[in-house]
C-alpha atoms as a PDB file:
ATOM      1  CA  MET A   1     -26.948 -17.034  -6.752  1.00  0.00           C
ATOM      2  CA  LYS A   2     -27.769 -15.362  -9.496  1.00  0.00           C
ATOM      3  CA  ARG A   3     -28.262 -10.910  -9.477  1.00  0.00           C
ATOM      4  CA  ASP A   4     -29.494  -8.991 -12.685  1.00  0.00           C
ATOM      5  CA  LEU A   5     -29.555  -5.414 -13.515  1.00  0.00           C
ATOM      6  CA  SER A   6     -31.027  -4.298 -16.826  1.00  0.00           C
ATOM      7  CA  VAL A   7     -31.547  -1.024 -17.660  1.00  0.00           C
ATOM      8  CA  GLY A   8     -31.720   0.565 -21.760  1.00  0.00           C
ATOM      9  CA  SER A   9     -29.368  -1.657 -23.435  1.00  0.00           C
ATOM     10  CA  LEU A  10     -27.302  -2.191 -20.511  1.00  0.00           C
ATOM     11  CA  HIS A  11     -27.386  -5.500 -18.634  1.00  0.00           C
ATOM     12  CA  ILE A  12     -25.250  -7.025 -15.947  1.00  0.00           C
ATOM     13  CA  GLU A  13     -25.418 -10.347 -14.285  1.00  0.00           C
ATOM     14  CA  LEU A  14     -23.920 -11.542 -11.484  1.00  0.00           C
ATOM     15  CA  LEU A  15     -23.734 -15.334 -10.653  1.00  0.00           C
ATOM     16  CA  ARG A  16     -21.715 -17.574  -9.136  1.00  0.00           C
ATOM     17  CA  GLU A  17     -19.557 -20.015 -10.933  1.00  0.00           C
ATOM     18  CA  SER A  18     -18.412 -21.937  -8.181  1.00  0.00           C
ATOM     19  CA  PRO A  19     -17.734 -21.761  -4.630  1.00  0.00           C
ATOM     20  CA  GLU A  20     -14.472 -19.643  -5.117  1.00  0.00           C
ATOM     21  CA  GLN A  21     -15.614 -17.398  -7.559  1.00  0.00           C
ATOM     22  CA  PHE A  22     -18.252 -14.760  -8.904  1.00  0.00           C
ATOM     23  CA  ARG A  23     -18.578 -13.607 -12.756  1.00  0.00           C
ATOM     24  CA  MET A  24     -20.075 -10.274 -13.456  1.00  0.00           C
ATOM     25  CA  VAL A  25     -20.346  -9.888 -17.249  1.00  0.00           C
ATOM     26  CA  TRP A  26     -21.476  -6.788 -18.819  1.00  0.00           C
ATOM     27  CA  ARG A  27     -23.368  -6.875 -22.342  1.00  0.00           C
ATOM     28  CA  GLY A  28     -24.887  -3.859 -24.301  1.00  0.00           C
ATOM     29  CA  ARG A  29     -24.137  -0.389 -23.738  1.00  0.00           C
ATOM     30  CA  SER A  30     -24.275   2.406 -21.627  1.00  0.00           C
ATOM     31  CA  GLU A  31     -25.107   5.336 -22.771  1.00  0.00           C
ATOM     32  CA  ASP A  32     -27.299   6.697 -19.477  1.00  0.00           C
ATOM     33  CA  ARG A  33     -26.623  10.486 -18.708  1.00  0.00           C
ATOM     34  CA  ASP A  34     -26.402   9.281 -14.952  1.00  0.00           C
ATOM     35  CA  PRO A  35     -25.624   5.775 -14.544  1.00  0.00           C
ATOM     36  CA  ALA A  36     -24.560   6.116 -10.908  1.00  0.00           C
ATOM     37  CA  ASP A  37     -27.836   6.461  -9.655  1.00  0.00           C
ATOM     38  CA  TYR A  38     -28.559   2.568 -10.432  1.00  0.00           C
ATOM     39  CA  LEU A  39     -25.030   1.353 -11.303  1.00  0.00           C
ATOM     40  CA  ASN A  40     -23.775   2.317  -7.314  1.00  0.00           C
ATOM     41  CA  PRO A  41     -26.647   0.766  -5.291  1.00  0.00           C
ATOM     42  CA  PHE A  42     -26.102  -2.590  -7.533  1.00  0.00           C
ATOM     43  CA  LEU A  43     -22.464  -2.396  -8.005  1.00  0.00           C
ATOM     44  CA  ILE A  44     -21.957  -2.253  -4.213  1.00  0.00           C
ATOM     45  CA  SER A  45     -24.438  -4.808  -3.236  1.00  0.00           C
ATOM     46  CA  SER A  46     -23.063  -7.303  -5.195  1.00  0.00           C
ATOM     47  CA  ILE A  47     -19.273  -6.408  -3.535  1.00  0.00           C
ATOM     48  CA  GLU A  48     -21.313  -6.884   0.197  1.00  0.00           C
ATOM     49  CA  VAL A  49     -22.043 -10.821  -0.849  1.00  0.00           C
ATOM     50  CA  LEU A  50     -18.706 -11.874  -1.341  1.00  0.00           C
ATOM     51  CA  SER A  51     -16.696 -13.073   1.151  1.00  0.00           C
ATOM     52  CA  ASP A  52     -13.442 -14.552  -0.142  1.00  0.00           C
ATOM     53  CA  GLU A  53     -14.621 -15.499  -3.465  1.00  0.00           C
ATOM     54  CA  LEU A  54     -12.511 -14.066  -6.620  1.00  0.00           C
ATOM     55  CA  LEU A  55     -14.624 -11.577  -8.266  1.00  0.00           C
ATOM     56  CA  VAL A  56     -14.678 -11.751 -11.979  1.00  0.00           C
ATOM     57  CA  CYS A  57     -15.697  -8.608 -14.014  1.00  0.00           C
ATOM     58  CA  ASP A  58     -15.967  -9.241 -17.825  1.00  0.00           C
ATOM     59  CA  PHE A  59     -16.203  -6.319 -19.578  1.00  0.00           C
ATOM     60  CA  ARG A  60     -15.747  -8.350 -23.319  1.00  0.00           C
ATOM     61  CA  GLU A  61     -19.153  -8.249 -24.434  1.00  0.00           C
ATOM     62  CA  LEU A  62     -20.409  -4.441 -23.618  1.00  0.00           C
ATOM     63  CA  GLU A  63     -20.414  -2.585 -26.866  1.00  0.00           C
ATOM     64  CA  TYR A  64     -20.091   0.955 -25.499  1.00  0.00           C
ATOM     65  CA  ILE A  65     -20.131   2.989 -22.467  1.00  0.00           C
ATOM     66  CA  ASN A  66     -19.836   6.689 -22.092  1.00  0.00           C
ATOM     67  CA  SER A  67     -17.937   8.498 -19.371  1.00  0.00           C
ATOM     68  CA  SER A  68     -20.166   9.046 -17.060  1.00  0.00           C
ATOM     69  CA  THR A  69     -20.294   5.162 -16.676  1.00  0.00           C
ATOM     70  CA  ILE A  70     -16.579   5.194 -15.478  1.00  0.00           C
ATOM     71  CA  PRO A  71     -16.646   6.501 -12.103  1.00  0.00           C
ATOM     72  CA  PRO A  72     -19.346   4.120 -10.434  1.00  0.00           C
ATOM     73  CA  ILE A  73     -16.698   1.377 -12.135  1.00  0.00           C
ATOM     74  CA  LEU A  74     -13.996   3.139 -10.474  1.00  0.00           C
ATOM     75  CA  ARG A  75     -16.009   3.528  -7.391  1.00  0.00           C
ATOM     76  CA  MET A  76     -16.581  -0.074  -7.695  1.00  0.00           C
ATOM     77  CA  ILE A  77     -13.239  -1.111  -7.658  1.00  0.00           C
ATOM     78  CA  LYS A  78     -12.088   1.263  -4.652  1.00  0.00           C
ATOM     79  CA  LYS A  79     -14.699  -0.931  -2.593  1.00  0.00           C
ATOM     80  CA  LEU A  80     -13.540  -4.165  -3.766  1.00  0.00           C
ATOM     81  CA  HIS A  81     -10.073  -2.829  -2.759  1.00  0.00           C
ATOM     82  CA  ILE A  82     -11.323  -0.987   0.545  1.00  0.00           C
ATOM     83  CA  ASP A  83     -12.882  -3.782   1.562  1.00  0.00           C
ATOM     84  CA  GLY A  84      -9.770  -6.474   0.846  1.00  0.00           C
ATOM     85  CA  LYS A  85     -11.731  -8.577  -1.969  1.00  0.00           C
ATOM     86  CA  SER A  86      -9.936  -9.955  -4.985  1.00  0.00           C
ATOM     87  CA  ALA A  87     -11.083  -9.073  -8.038  1.00  0.00           C
ATOM     88  CA  ARG A  88     -10.113 -10.027 -12.072  1.00  0.00           C
ATOM     89  CA  ILE A  89     -11.507  -7.459 -14.328  1.00  0.00           C
ATOM     90  CA  VAL A  90     -11.349  -8.661 -17.762  1.00  0.00           C
ATOM     91  CA  TYR A  91     -11.803  -6.504 -21.292  1.00  0.00           C
ATOM     92  CA  ASP A  92     -11.751  -6.813 -24.344  1.00  0.00           C
ATOM     93  CA  SER A  93      -7.966  -5.932 -26.095  1.00  0.00           C
ATOM     94  CA  ASN A  94      -9.527  -6.285 -29.659  1.00  0.00           C
ATOM     95  CA  SER A  95     -11.711  -3.541 -28.593  1.00  0.00           C
ATOM     96  CA  SER A  96      -9.845   0.034 -28.919  1.00  0.00           C
ATOM     97  CA  TRP A  97     -12.315   1.916 -26.958  1.00  0.00           C
ATOM     98  CA  GLN A  98     -11.818  -0.948 -24.256  1.00  0.00           C
ATOM     99  CA  THR A  99      -8.004  -1.288 -24.394  1.00  0.00           C
ATOM    100  CA  ALA A 100      -8.044   2.480 -23.687  1.00  0.00           C
ATOM    101  CA  SER A 101     -10.255   2.804 -20.626  1.00  0.00           C
ATOM    102  CA  PHE A 102      -8.636  -0.031 -18.827  1.00  0.00           C
ATOM    103  CA  THR A 103      -5.261   0.345 -19.902  1.00  0.00           C
ATOM    104  CA  ALA A 104      -6.525   3.727 -17.382  1.00  0.00           C
ATOM    105  CA  PHE A 105      -7.566   1.471 -14.876  1.00  0.00           C
ATOM    106  CA  ARG A 106      -4.625  -0.584 -14.763  1.00  0.00           C
ATOM    107  CA  ILE A 107      -2.770   2.712 -13.922  1.00  0.00           C
ATOM    108  CA  ILE A 108      -5.453   3.367 -11.351  1.00  0.00           C
ATOM    109  CA  THR A 109      -5.201   0.085  -9.418  1.00  0.00           C
ATOM    110  CA  ASP A 110      -1.603  -0.604 -10.064  1.00  0.00           C
ATOM    111  CA  THR A 111      -0.860  -0.259  -6.281  1.00  0.00           C
ATOM    112  CA  MET A 112      -4.016  -2.610  -5.241  1.00  0.00           C
ATOM    113  CA  ASP A 113      -2.715  -5.653  -4.973  1.00  0.00           C
ATOM    114  CA  LEU A 114      -5.679  -7.857  -4.891  1.00  0.00           C
ATOM    115  CA  ILE A 115      -6.833  -6.469  -8.301  1.00  0.00           C
ATOM    116  CA  GLU A 116      -5.900  -7.816 -11.902  1.00  0.00           C
ATOM    117  CA  ILE A 117      -6.773  -6.030 -15.161  1.00  0.00           C
ATOM    118  CA  SER A 118      -5.871  -7.818 -17.814  1.00  0.00           C
ATOM    119  CA  GLY A 119      -7.113  -8.034 -21.693  1.00  0.00           C
ATOM    120  CA  GLU A 120      -8.249 -11.390 -23.673  1.00  0.00           C
END
């Protein structure tokens, strides 16, 4: 199974890596004023295909996101938590903007047992 979203220079690919795991790879740049219009439906529908599989959200190839992209990502994380889904969020620890953004996400997800955020 494979699902994709491409808008401008932002590309997100959801693929099943194994029977136990899906990977969502984010690439490019998210610079739209209101990306929630297309991100929320894509992210929510992507979560809905999960049963007991781990979702790995891989942001390491993402070059840039503006502040308008943060709320849809947080909404996705909250939905994963509410639905009791396991997720591992991976970011590029060599990128200062990714480290700053995902450190803030880590604080938000601190009490969410099934959500792990790590820099690689």
